[in-house]
């Protein structure tokens, strides 16, 4: 199995992530009544270092981003999409953007950005998350989806981890986009099961319409030689704006299985996704009949 991590992991690495991911995945599979597995069966495909600032340009560490650093229209539009979803999920906590905020979002107006950051800080999903981290997340998503050089280097990291005996690919958050695109680009891979968790794949315009290969007539391509695709998310997950992917990726012989899980107050956390019995069952199904 290969697990592809999500955003905000630039200061970690393959082994440090494996220390958290592998036990969580094993717990989920065990809870689902799946096969007995070893941590060595799990590989973490790490790409976060491509978003880490070089030492020569970051003597003071992570940039102290503020609302005035959200200047790119993509970042502003993504921020507004997160704000709208947070307001939809928690209308009693998060004020909804008004028509003026929506009309100004593509211009990255500092006042609108400031309002969006404040509104999101009130949501349970992003409570306690610093603005600088959230803005850094926006920039990582933009860079992957708009910078071909970054995209290609990230894809190379995934390709280097897929072996002749890899059967299951698990992608979390932005990692689900990375995993999907990798499978589309490599139909010769032996991977038969894709498990996406907390996925933004269905986010219209910003993500879905920028996928490689590009969707046609509102329909995304089925990923490579995959036979089973399970998509899991928490209903309160702001990042997974489209909770169901099946309508977006139809196939004559196969279908995405969309499943809701309950991750508590950390709706998007990869460890909580992996310890869920529903995720464990999807992974175990992918391993069924495969030699261990």
Protein backbone atom coordinates (compact mmCIF):
# COMPACT_ATOMS: atom_id res chain seq x y z
CA UNK A 1 0.00 0.00 0.00
CA UNK A 2 1.07 3.56 -0.68
CA UNK A 3 -0.37 6.50 1.26
CA UNK A 4 -0.16 10.00 -0.23
CA UNK A 5 -0.30 12.74 2.41
CA UNK A 6 -2.12 16.07 2.23
CA UNK A 7 -1.20 19.73 2.59
CA UNK A 8 0.86 21.39 5.29
CA UNK A 9 3.42 18.58 5.74
CA UNK A 10 6.46 20.37 4.34
CA UNK A 11 8.46 20.08 7.57
CA UNK A 12 7.96 16.34 7.94
CA UNK A 13 9.18 13.42 5.84
CA UNK A 14 8.52 9.84 4.78
CA UNK A 15 9.59 8.24 8.05
CA UNK A 16 8.08 10.80 10.41
CA UNK A 17 4.72 10.56 8.64
CA UNK A 18 4.91 6.77 8.59
CA UNK A 19 5.11 6.78 12.38
CA UNK A 20 1.58 8.19 12.59
CA UNK A 21 0.00 6.90 9.40
CA UNK A 22 0.92 3.21 9.59
CA UNK A 23 -0.49 2.50 13.10
CA UNK A 24 -3.69 4.37 12.27
CA UNK A 25 -4.17 2.43 9.04
CA UNK A 26 -3.51 -0.89 10.78
CA UNK A 27 -6.06 0.00 13.46
CA UNK A 28 -8.70 0.79 10.88
CA UNK A 29 -8.16 -2.43 8.95
CA UNK A 30 -8.24 -4.46 12.16
CA UNK A 31 -11.43 -2.75 13.32
CA UNK A 32 -13.02 -3.66 9.99
CA UNK A 33 -12.07 -7.31 10.46
CA UNK A 34 -9.48 -7.18 7.71
CA UNK A 35 -6.25 -9.16 7.35
CA UNK A 36 -3.37 -8.95 9.78
CA UNK A 37 -0.86 -6.46 8.39
CA UNK A 38 2.62 -5.21 9.21
CA UNK A 39 3.80 -1.57 9.15
CA UNK A 40 6.36 -2.56 6.51
CA UNK A 41 3.50 -3.16 4.05
CA UNK A 42 2.79 0.58 4.07
CA UNK A 43 4.80 3.17 2.15
CA UNK A 44 4.27 6.91 2.55
CA UNK A 45 4.84 8.86 -0.65
CA UNK A 46 6.27 12.17 0.54
CA UNK A 47 6.21 15.31 -1.58
CA UNK A 48 5.96 18.05 1.06
CA UNK A 49 9.59 19.12 0.67
CA UNK A 50 8.73 20.70 -2.68
CA UNK A 51 6.73 23.30 -0.74
CA UNK A 52 9.40 23.94 1.88
CA UNK A 53 11.08 27.35 1.51
CA UNK A 54 14.83 27.09 0.76
CA UNK A 55 17.06 28.02 3.65
CA UNK A 56 18.51 30.98 1.78
CA UNK A 57 15.05 32.50 1.41
CA UNK A 58 13.59 31.57 4.76
CA UNK A 59 16.07 32.56 7.42
CA UNK A 60 13.17 33.37 9.72
CA UNK A 61 11.26 30.16 8.98
CA UNK A 62 7.73 29.91 7.59
CA UNK A 63 6.58 33.23 6.10
CA UNK A 64 4.37 35.13 8.53
CA UNK A 65 1.51 35.37 6.06
CA UNK A 66 -1.23 37.90 6.66
CA UNK A 67 -4.44 38.77 4.82
CA UNK A 68 -2.59 41.10 2.46
CA UNK A 69 -0.56 38.14 1.16
CA UNK A 70 -3.66 36.62 -0.45
CA UNK A 71 -3.26 38.44 -3.76
CA UNK A 72 -3.79 35.64 -6.26
CA UNK A 73 -7.37 35.27 -7.59
CA UNK A 74 -7.17 31.47 -7.24
CA UNK A 75 -6.31 31.74 -3.55
CA UNK A 76 -9.07 34.29 -2.93
CA UNK A 77 -11.67 32.16 -4.73
CA UNK A 78 -10.63 29.04 -2.81
CA UNK A 79 -10.81 30.96 0.46
CA UNK A 80 -14.34 32.11 -0.40
CA UNK A 81 -15.35 28.52 -1.26
CA UNK A 82 -14.12 27.34 2.14
CA UNK A 83 -15.97 30.21 3.83
CA UNK A 84 -19.22 29.36 2.03
CA UNK A 85 -18.97 25.68 2.97
CA UNK A 86 -18.15 26.46 6.60
CA UNK A 87 -21.18 28.78 6.77
CA UNK A 88 -23.40 26.12 5.21
CA UNK A 89 -22.25 23.48 7.69
CA UNK A 90 -22.36 25.71 10.78
CA UNK A 91 -24.75 28.61 10.15
CA UNK A 92 -25.03 29.23 13.88
CA UNK A 93 -21.28 29.82 14.21
CA UNK A 94 -20.04 31.09 10.87
CA UNK A 95 -21.51 34.19 9.21
CA UNK A 96 -22.23 33.64 5.52
CA UNK A 97 -20.51 35.79 2.89
CA UNK A 98 -22.77 38.47 1.45
CA UNK A 99 -23.17 39.26 -2.24
CA UNK A 100 -20.54 42.00 -2.05
CA UNK A 101 -17.95 39.58 -0.66
CA UNK A 102 -18.75 37.06 -3.40
CA UNK A 103 -18.41 39.63 -6.15
CA UNK A 104 -15.08 40.89 -4.82
CA UNK A 105 -13.54 37.47 -4.10
CA UNK A 106 -11.78 37.08 -7.45
CA UNK A 107 -10.08 40.42 -6.99
CA UNK A 108 -8.49 39.34 -3.69
CA UNK A 109 -9.62 42.52 -1.92
CA UNK A 110 -7.79 42.65 1.47
CA UNK A 111 -10.96 43.56 3.40
CA UNK A 112 -12.87 40.59 1.96
CA UNK A 113 -9.94 38.26 2.66
CA UNK A 114 -9.80 39.55 6.23
CA UNK A 115 -13.53 38.90 6.68
CA UNK A 116 -13.19 35.39 5.27
CA UNK A 117 -10.32 34.54 7.62
CA UNK A 118 -12.27 35.86 10.59
CA UNK A 119 -15.39 33.90 9.63
CA UNK A 120 -13.41 30.68 9.18
CA UNK A 121 -11.75 31.16 12.56
CA UNK A 122 -15.20 30.81 14.11
CA UNK A 123 -15.84 27.41 12.55
CA UNK A 124 -15.27 24.23 14.54
CA UNK A 125 -13.32 22.88 11.59
CA UNK A 126 -10.65 25.59 11.68
CA UNK A 127 -10.82 26.64 15.33
CA UNK A 128 -7.33 27.35 16.60
CA UNK A 129 -5.76 27.35 13.13
CA UNK A 130 -3.58 30.40 12.58
CA UNK A 131 -4.21 32.60 9.55
CA UNK A 132 -0.61 32.13 8.42
CA UNK A 133 -1.12 28.34 8.23
CA UNK A 134 -4.40 28.60 6.34
CA UNK A 135 -2.92 31.07 3.86
CA UNK A 136 0.05 28.75 3.40
CA UNK A 137 -2.40 25.96 2.59
CA UNK A 138 -4.10 28.11 -0.06
CA UNK A 139 -0.73 28.77 -1.66
CA UNK A 140 0.24 25.08 -1.70
CA UNK A 141 -2.99 24.10 -3.44
CA UNK A 142 -2.54 26.91 -5.98
CA UNK A 143 1.04 25.97 -6.72
CA UNK A 144 0.24 22.32 -7.32
CA UNK A 145 -2.70 23.06 -9.60
CA UNK A 146 -1.17 25.96 -11.56
CA UNK A 147 2.61 25.34 -11.60
CA UNK A 148 3.48 22.50 -13.98
CA UNK A 149 7.02 22.25 -12.61
CA UNK A 150 5.82 21.66 -9.06
CA UNK A 151 3.11 19.30 -10.27
CA UNK A 152 5.57 17.19 -12.25
CA UNK A 153 8.02 16.93 -9.36
CA UNK A 154 5.26 15.88 -6.95
CA UNK A 155 4.07 13.25 -9.43
CA UNK A 156 7.60 11.86 -9.70
CA UNK A 157 7.65 11.30 -5.93
CA UNK A 158 4.51 9.17 -6.15
CA UNK A 159 5.76 7.19 -9.12
CA UNK A 160 8.96 6.36 -7.25
CA UNK A 161 6.95 4.69 -4.46
CA UNK A 162 4.66 2.48 -6.51
CA UNK A 163 6.15 -1.01 -6.78
CA UNK A 164 5.14 -4.13 -8.75
CA UNK A 165 3.28 -5.40 -5.67
CA UNK A 166 1.41 -2.16 -4.85
CA UNK A 167 -2.32 -2.84 -4.88
CA UNK A 168 -3.86 0.00 -2.84
CA UNK A 169 -3.27 3.75 -3.15
CA UNK A 170 -4.66 5.98 -0.39
CA UNK A 171 -4.79 9.74 -0.92
CA UNK A 172 -5.64 12.32 1.73
CA UNK A 173 -6.74 15.90 1.01
CA UNK A 174 -4.55 17.36 -1.77
CA UNK A 175 -2.88 13.94 -1.80
CA UNK A 176 -6.11 12.49 -3.20
CA UNK A 177 -5.76 14.79 -6.21
CA UNK A 178 -2.13 13.77 -6.57
CA UNK A 179 -3.00 10.07 -6.31
CA UNK A 180 -5.86 10.35 -8.81
CA UNK A 181 -3.71 12.11 -11.39
CA UNK A 182 -0.88 9.61 -10.90
CA UNK A 183 -3.22 6.69 -11.59
CA UNK A 184 -4.62 8.39 -14.68
CA UNK A 185 -1.09 8.93 -15.97
CA UNK A 186 -0.05 5.31 -15.29
CA UNK A 187 -2.74 2.83 -16.37
CA UNK A 188 -0.01 0.17 -16.42
CA UNK A 189 0.40 0.28 -12.64
CA UNK A 190 -0.76 -2.79 -10.68
CA UNK A 191 -2.90 -0.64 -8.34
CA UNK A 192 -6.46 -1.98 -8.28
CA UNK A 193 -7.92 0.09 -5.40
CA UNK A 194 -8.02 3.83 -4.82
CA UNK A 195 -9.14 5.16 -1.43
CA UNK A 196 -9.63 8.94 -1.23
CA UNK A 197 -10.20 10.58 2.16
CA UNK A 198 -11.11 14.20 2.85
CA UNK A 199 -10.84 14.83 -0.87
CA UNK A 200 -11.30 18.18 -2.66
CA UNK A 201 -11.44 16.41 -6.06
CA UNK A 202 -15.00 17.51 -6.68
CA UNK A 203 -14.47 21.21 -5.97
CA UNK A 204 -15.84 22.90 -9.10
CA UNK A 205 -13.64 25.16 -11.22
CA UNK A 206 -10.79 25.38 -8.73
CA UNK A 207 -9.88 21.68 -8.57
CA UNK A 208 -12.16 19.45 -10.65
CA UNK A 209 -11.86 21.54 -13.80
CA UNK A 210 -8.07 21.76 -13.45
CA UNK A 211 -7.45 18.01 -13.18
CA UNK A 212 -5.05 16.20 -15.48
CA UNK A 213 -6.54 14.81 -17.65
CA UNK A 214 -9.18 17.51 -17.94
CA UNK A 215 -12.81 16.46 -17.45
CA UNK A 216 -15.00 16.35 -20.53
CA UNK A 217 -18.54 17.69 -20.46
CA UNK A 218 -18.48 17.76 -16.67
CA UNK A 219 -17.24 14.18 -16.39
CA UNK A 220 -13.87 13.15 -14.96
CA UNK A 221 -11.91 10.23 -16.32
CA UNK A 222 -11.86 6.97 -14.40
CA UNK A 223 -8.36 6.55 -12.86
CA UNK A 224 -6.26 4.04 -14.74
CA UNK A 225 -6.75 0.33 -14.12
CA UNK A 226 -8.46 0.86 -10.76
CA UNK A 227 -11.32 -1.60 -10.13
CA UNK A 228 -12.49 -0.19 -6.78
CA UNK A 229 -12.64 3.44 -5.68
CA UNK A 230 -13.90 4.36 -2.22
CA UNK A 231 -14.28 8.00 -1.24
CA UNK A 232 -14.67 8.81 2.45
CA UNK A 233 -15.25 12.13 4.16
CA UNK A 234 -16.73 13.62 7.31
CA UNK A 235 -19.94 15.54 6.60
CA UNK A 236 -18.37 18.53 8.47
CA UNK A 237 -15.22 18.54 6.36
CA UNK A 238 -14.88 21.97 4.76
CA UNK A 239 -12.10 20.82 2.41
CA UNK A 240 -14.21 18.04 0.87
CA UNK A 241 -16.70 20.49 -0.64
CA UNK A 242 -18.26 17.81 -2.88
CA UNK A 243 -19.14 15.02 -0.48
CA UNK A 244 -20.05 12.64 -3.32
CA UNK A 245 -17.68 11.91 -6.22
CA UNK A 246 -19.68 9.16 -7.93
CA UNK A 247 -21.71 11.60 -10.10
CA UNK A 248 -18.51 13.29 -11.29
CA UNK A 249 -16.54 10.16 -12.21
CA UNK A 250 -19.02 7.75 -13.82
CA UNK A 251 -17.87 4.59 -15.53
CA UNK A 252 -19.77 1.94 -17.45
CA UNK A 253 -18.50 -0.93 -15.30
CA UNK A 254 -17.41 0.70 -12.04
CA UNK A 255 -18.59 3.36 -9.62
CA UNK A 256 -17.14 5.42 -6.80
CA UNK A 257 -18.41 4.26 -3.41
CA UNK A 258 -19.06 7.41 -1.36
CA UNK A 259 -19.08 6.91 2.41
CA UNK A 260 -19.55 9.37 5.26
CA UNK A 261 -17.50 8.90 8.44
CA UNK A 262 -17.51 10.65 11.81
CA UNK A 263 -14.10 11.99 12.79
CA UNK A 264 -15.21 14.06 15.76
CA UNK A 265 -13.90 17.59 16.04
CA UNK A 266 -10.92 16.88 13.75
CA UNK A 267 -13.04 16.21 10.70
CA UNK A 268 -10.17 16.37 8.19
CA UNK A 269 -7.37 14.62 10.11
CA UNK A 270 -5.73 11.75 8.22
CA UNK A 271 -5.22 9.65 11.36
CA UNK A 272 -8.91 9.78 12.25
CA UNK A 273 -9.84 8.88 8.71
CA UNK A 274 -7.53 5.88 8.75
CA UNK A 275 -8.72 4.55 12.11
CA UNK A 276 -12.35 4.55 10.93
CA UNK A 277 -13.78 1.08 10.32
CA UNK A 278 -15.25 2.34 7.03
CA UNK A 279 -11.79 3.28 5.74
CA UNK A 280 -10.34 0.04 7.04
CA UNK A 281 -13.02 -1.92 5.19
CA UNK A 282 -12.24 -0.13 1.90
CA UNK A 283 -8.54 -0.90 2.27
CA UNK A 284 -9.18 -4.49 3.33
CA UNK A 285 -11.40 -5.02 0.31
CA UNK A 286 -8.58 -3.84 -1.90
CA UNK A 287 -6.22 -6.35 -0.30
CA UNK A 288 -8.65 -9.27 -0.41
CA UNK A 289 -7.18 -12.16 -2.32
CA UNK A 290 -3.79 -10.47 -2.64
CA UNK A 291 -0.70 -12.26 -1.22
CA UNK A 292 0.65 -10.64 1.95
